[in-house]
C-alpha cells in the first residue's frame, strides 16, 4: 500500500469538514515538494508546509484530526505487531514432516538421504520462525544481538 493510499485509508472516516483544508494543502505541498525533490521528501516537511498555510481558525480542527491520524497509525502498528507475534508462534511443520525426516536421517551414515523438498523447506522455515522467537526473547531480556550473554 502506498503512503498516499495508507493516509487516505486512515483519514477516510473523518467526516469533519474542517479537515478538508489541511488535506488539500497537504496534497498541494506534497506535489510541489516531490517535484522540487524527486529523490524524496520527509512527510513532516510536507505537513509543516501545509500547516503553515492554514488560517489560524482552521488549525485547531486540523490538529485534532492529526492527533486522530497519529493514534490510528499507532493502532495499525500495534495490530501489525500482534499479527507478527501470532504468526511466529504458529508452527510451520506438517504433522508428518518431523517423523518422515527423522526416519530418513536414521538410515546408514555417510549415504545421501532422499528428502522431499517441500518437507525440508517447511523444516527450514520452522527453524527460522524459532530463531525469530529466540531473538525476540533475547531482546526482551536485554541480551546482545546473537543471544550471547554478558560474561
C-alpha atoms as a PDB file:
ATOM      1  CA  UNK A   1       0.000   0.000   0.000  1.00  0.00           C
ATOM      2  CA  UNK A   2       1.427   3.388  -0.983  1.00  0.00           C
ATOM      3  CA  UNK A   3       1.840   6.136   1.605  1.00  0.00           C
ATOM      4  CA  UNK A   4      -0.939   8.110  -0.097  1.00  0.00           C
ATOM      5  CA  UNK A   5      -3.344   5.156  -0.011  1.00  0.00           C
ATOM      6  CA  UNK A   6      -2.414   4.432   3.618  1.00  0.00           C
ATOM      7  CA  UNK A   7      -3.037   8.085   4.571  1.00  0.00           C
ATOM      8  CA  UNK A   8      -6.349   8.080   2.693  1.00  0.00           C
ATOM      9  CA  UNK A   9      -7.437   4.877   4.446  1.00  0.00           C
ATOM     10  CA  UNK A  10      -6.586   6.308   7.867  1.00  0.00           C
ATOM     11  CA  UNK A  11      -8.499   9.501   7.251  1.00  0.00           C
ATOM     12  CA  UNK A  12     -11.441   8.112   5.277  1.00  0.00           C
ATOM     13  CA  UNK A  13     -13.823   8.241   8.216  1.00  0.00           C
ATOM     14  CA  UNK A  14     -13.020  11.799   9.228  1.00  0.00           C
ATOM     15  CA  UNK A  15     -16.329  13.483   8.460  1.00  0.00           C
ATOM     16  CA  UNK A  16     -15.453  16.880   9.909  1.00  0.00           C
ATOM     17  CA  UNK A  17     -15.460  19.470   7.116  1.00  0.00           C
ATOM     18  CA  UNK A  18     -12.678  21.363   8.918  1.00  0.00           C
ATOM     19  CA  UNK A  19     -10.249  18.621   7.932  1.00  0.00           C
ATOM     20  CA  UNK A  20     -10.535  19.297   4.225  1.00  0.00           C
ATOM     21  CA  UNK A  21      -8.463  22.495   4.067  1.00  0.00           C
ATOM     22  CA  UNK A  22      -5.486  20.734   5.643  1.00  0.00           C
ATOM     23  CA  UNK A  23      -5.845  17.745   3.332  1.00  0.00           C
ATOM     24  CA  UNK A  24      -5.929  19.958   0.252  1.00  0.00           C
ATOM     25  CA  UNK A  25      -2.944  21.969   1.453  1.00  0.00           C
ATOM     26  CA  UNK A  26      -1.071  18.772   2.318  1.00  0.00           C
ATOM     27  CA  UNK A  27      -1.654  17.406  -1.176  1.00  0.00           C
ATOM     28  CA  UNK A  28      -0.521  20.701  -2.749  1.00  0.00           C
ATOM     29  CA  UNK A  29       2.629  20.819  -0.619  1.00  0.00           C
ATOM     30  CA  UNK A  30       3.336  17.162  -1.356  1.00  0.00           C
ATOM     31  CA  UNK A  31       3.020  17.690  -5.114  1.00  0.00           C
ATOM     32  CA  UNK A  32       5.221  20.796  -5.034  1.00  0.00           C
ATOM     33  CA  UNK A  33       7.916  19.259  -2.807  1.00  0.00           C
ATOM     34  CA  UNK A  34       8.031  15.978  -4.736  1.00  0.00           C
ATOM     35  CA  UNK A  35       8.568  17.989  -7.899  1.00  0.00           C
ATOM     36  CA  UNK A  36      11.335  20.033  -6.232  1.00  0.00           C
ATOM     37  CA  UNK A  37      12.928  16.968  -4.578  1.00  0.00           C
ATOM     38  CA  UNK A  38      12.394  13.880  -6.770  1.00  0.00           C
ATOM     39  CA  UNK A  39      14.786  11.896  -4.552  1.00  0.00           C
ATOM     40  CA  UNK A  40      12.267  12.039  -1.687  1.00  0.00           C
ATOM     41  CA  UNK A  41      10.708  14.334   0.871  1.00  0.00           C
ATOM     42  CA  UNK A  42      10.229  13.869   4.598  1.00  0.00           C
ATOM     43  CA  UNK A  43       6.468  13.698   5.308  1.00  0.00           C
ATOM     44  CA  UNK A  44       6.985  16.029   8.289  1.00  0.00           C
ATOM     45  CA  UNK A  45       8.268  18.746   5.937  1.00  0.00           C
ATOM     46  CA  UNK A  46       5.144  18.337   3.797  1.00  0.00           C
ATOM     47  CA  UNK A  47       2.966  18.542   6.886  1.00  0.00           C
ATOM     48  CA  UNK A  48       4.697  21.659   8.211  1.00  0.00           C
ATOM     49  CA  UNK A  49       4.310  23.391   4.850  1.00  0.00           C
ATOM     50  CA  UNK A  50       0.602  22.560   4.821  1.00  0.00           C
ATOM     51  CA  UNK A  51       0.170  23.556   8.478  1.00  0.00           C
ATOM     52  CA  UNK A  52       1.797  26.934   7.901  1.00  0.00           C
ATOM     53  CA  UNK A  53      -0.619  27.602   5.026  1.00  0.00           C
ATOM     54  CA  UNK A  54      -3.717  27.046   7.202  1.00  0.00           C
ATOM     55  CA  UNK A  55      -5.628  30.014   8.533  1.00  0.00           C
ATOM     56  CA  UNK A  56      -5.405  30.257  12.355  1.00  0.00           C
ATOM     57  CA  UNK A  57      -9.085  29.296  12.767  1.00  0.00           C
ATOM     58  CA  UNK A  58      -8.503  26.090  10.755  1.00  0.00           C
ATOM     59  CA  UNK A  59      -5.508  24.926  12.783  1.00  0.00           C
ATOM     60  CA  UNK A  60      -7.387  23.734  15.882  1.00  0.00           C
ATOM     61  CA  UNK A  61      -9.662  21.385  13.936  1.00  0.00           C
ATOM     62  CA  UNK A  62      -6.757  20.192  11.793  1.00  0.00           C
ATOM     63  CA  UNK A  63      -4.703  19.486  14.926  1.00  0.00           C
ATOM     64  CA  UNK A  64      -7.451  17.264  16.335  1.00  0.00           C
ATOM     65  CA  UNK A  65      -7.535  15.370  13.052  1.00  0.00           C
ATOM     66  CA  UNK A  66      -3.761  14.984  13.060  1.00  0.00           C
ATOM     67  CA  UNK A  67      -3.948  13.500  16.545  1.00  0.00           C
ATOM     68  CA  UNK A  68      -6.558  11.052  15.264  1.00  0.00           C
ATOM     69  CA  UNK A  69      -4.350  10.053  12.341  1.00  0.00           C
ATOM     70  CA  UNK A  70      -1.364   9.590  14.685  1.00  0.00           C
ATOM     71  CA  UNK A  71      -3.461   7.437  17.006  1.00  0.00           C
ATOM     72  CA  UNK A  72      -4.718   5.399  14.030  1.00  0.00           C
ATOM     73  CA  UNK A  73      -1.155   4.816  12.837  1.00  0.00           C
ATOM     74  CA  UNK A  74      -0.159   3.669  16.335  1.00  0.00           C
ATOM     75  CA  UNK A  75      -3.102   1.238  16.372  1.00  0.00           C
ATOM     76  CA  UNK A  76      -2.116  -0.117  12.940  1.00  0.00           C
ATOM     77  CA  UNK A  77       1.454  -0.692  14.139  1.00  0.00           C
ATOM     78  CA  UNK A  78       0.221  -2.462  17.278  1.00  0.00           C
ATOM     79  CA  UNK A  79      -2.132  -4.639  15.215  1.00  0.00           C
ATOM     80  CA  UNK A  80       0.676  -5.488  12.800  1.00  0.00           C
ATOM     81  CA  UNK A  81       2.973  -6.417  15.703  1.00  0.00           C
ATOM     82  CA  UNK A  82       0.227  -8.609  17.186  1.00  0.00           C
ATOM     83  CA  UNK A  83      -0.213 -10.388  13.818  1.00  0.00           C
ATOM     84  CA  UNK A  84       3.564 -10.888  13.556  1.00  0.00           C
ATOM     85  CA  UNK A  85       3.744 -12.235  17.110  1.00  0.00           C
ATOM     86  CA  UNK A  86       0.888 -14.639  16.377  1.00  0.00           C
ATOM     87  CA  UNK A  87       2.495 -15.810  13.138  1.00  0.00           C
ATOM     88  CA  UNK A  88       5.842 -16.593  14.751  1.00  0.00           C
ATOM     89  CA  UNK A  89       4.033 -18.522  17.490  1.00  0.00           C
ATOM     90  CA  UNK A  90       2.479 -20.929  14.973  1.00  0.00           C
ATOM     91  CA  UNK A  91       4.406 -23.995  13.853  1.00  0.00           C
ATOM     92  CA  UNK A  92       5.013 -24.290  10.130  1.00  0.00           C
ATOM     93  CA  UNK A  93       5.513 -28.037  10.213  1.00  0.00           C
ATOM     94  CA  UNK A  94       3.108 -30.569   8.775  1.00  0.00           C
ATOM     95  CA  UNK A  95       2.225 -33.361  11.219  1.00  0.00           C
ATOM     96  CA  UNK A  96       4.386 -35.841   9.300  1.00  0.00           C
ATOM     97  CA  UNK A  97       7.365 -33.605   8.472  1.00  0.00           C
ATOM     98  CA  UNK A  98       9.359 -34.389  11.577  1.00  0.00           C
ATOM     99  CA  UNK A  99       8.780 -38.137  11.562  1.00  0.00           C
ATOM    100  CA  UNK A 100       9.441 -38.531   7.811  1.00  0.00           C
ATOM    101  CA  UNK A 101      12.681 -36.568   8.033  1.00  0.00           C
ATOM    102  CA  UNK A 102      13.764 -38.358  11.204  1.00  0.00           C
ATOM    103  CA  UNK A 103      13.237 -41.784   9.554  1.00  0.00           C
ATOM    104  CA  UNK A 104      15.226 -40.650   6.507  1.00  0.00           C
ATOM    105  CA  UNK A 105      18.072 -39.413   8.709  1.00  0.00           C
ATOM    106  CA  UNK A 106      18.144 -42.609  10.818  1.00  0.00           C
ATOM    107  CA  UNK A 107      19.401 -44.559   7.782  1.00  0.00           C
ATOM    108  CA  UNK A 108      23.006 -45.722   7.357  1.00  0.00           C
ATOM    109  CA  UNK A 109      25.592 -42.992   7.881  1.00  0.00           C
ATOM    110  CA  UNK A 110      27.561 -41.400   5.089  1.00  0.00           C
ATOM    111  CA  UNK A 111      24.909 -42.011   2.444  1.00  0.00           C
ATOM    112  CA  UNK A 112      22.880 -39.427   0.558  1.00  0.00           C
ATOM    113  CA  UNK A 113      19.429 -39.092   2.128  1.00  0.00           C
ATOM    114  CA  UNK A 114      16.456 -38.622  -0.196  1.00  0.00           C
ATOM    115  CA  UNK A 115      14.154 -35.986   1.270  1.00  0.00           C
ATOM    116  CA  UNK A 116      11.062 -34.357  -0.178  1.00  0.00           C
ATOM    117  CA  UNK A 117      11.945 -30.756  -0.947  1.00  0.00           C
ATOM    118  CA  UNK A 118       8.663 -29.383   0.426  1.00  0.00           C
ATOM    119  CA  UNK A 119       9.251 -31.051   3.802  1.00  0.00           C
ATOM    120  CA  UNK A 120      12.767 -29.678   4.018  1.00  0.00           C
ATOM    121  CA  UNK A 121      11.517 -26.193   3.115  1.00  0.00           C
ATOM    122  CA  UNK A 122       8.940 -26.347   5.927  1.00  0.00           C
ATOM    123  CA  UNK A 123      11.542 -27.532   8.435  1.00  0.00           C
ATOM    124  CA  UNK A 124      13.907 -24.724   7.446  1.00  0.00           C
ATOM    125  CA  UNK A 125      11.043 -22.209   7.706  1.00  0.00           C
ATOM    126  CA  UNK A 126      10.216 -23.600  11.148  1.00  0.00           C
ATOM    127  CA  UNK A 127      13.844 -23.154  12.222  1.00  0.00           C
ATOM    128  CA  UNK A 128      13.723 -19.554  11.013  1.00  0.00           C
ATOM    129  CA  UNK A 129      10.478 -18.986  12.928  1.00  0.00           C
ATOM    130  CA  UNK A 130      12.025 -20.415  16.079  1.00  0.00           C
ATOM    131  CA  UNK A 131      15.081 -18.196  15.593  1.00  0.00           C
ATOM    132  CA  UNK A 132      12.759 -15.153  15.445  1.00  0.00           C
ATOM    133  CA  UNK A 133      11.222 -16.259  18.744  1.00  0.00           C
ATOM    134  CA  UNK A 134      14.678 -16.675  20.315  1.00  0.00           C
ATOM    135  CA  UNK A 135      15.767 -13.259  19.028  1.00  0.00           C
ATOM    136  CA  UNK A 136      12.571 -11.677  20.376  1.00  0.00           C
ATOM    137  CA  UNK A 137      13.043 -13.276  23.806  1.00  0.00           C
ATOM    138  CA  UNK A 138      16.704 -12.238  23.872  1.00  0.00           C
ATOM    139  CA  UNK A 139      15.714  -8.670  23.040  1.00  0.00           C
ATOM    140  CA  UNK A 140      13.081  -8.705  25.803  1.00  0.00           C
ATOM    141  CA  UNK A 141      15.609  -9.787  28.455  1.00  0.00           C
ATOM    142  CA  UNK A 142      18.299  -7.464  27.149  1.00  0.00           C
ATOM    143  CA  UNK A 143      20.768  -9.938  25.663  1.00  0.00           C
ATOM    144  CA  UNK A 144      23.039  -8.581  22.945  1.00  0.00           C
ATOM    145  CA  UNK A 145      22.288  -9.473  19.329  1.00  0.00           C
ATOM    146  CA  UNK A 146      23.153 -13.095  18.588  1.00  0.00           C
ATOM    147  CA  UNK A 147      21.920 -14.268  22.003  1.00  0.00           C
ATOM    148  CA  UNK A 148      25.306 -14.354  23.760  1.00  0.00           C
ATOM    149  CA  UNK A 149      25.136 -13.449  27.424  1.00  0.00           C
ATOM    150  CA  UNK A 150      27.385 -10.883  29.041  1.00  0.00           C
ATOM    151  CA  UNK A 151      30.296 -12.676  30.630  1.00  0.00           C
END
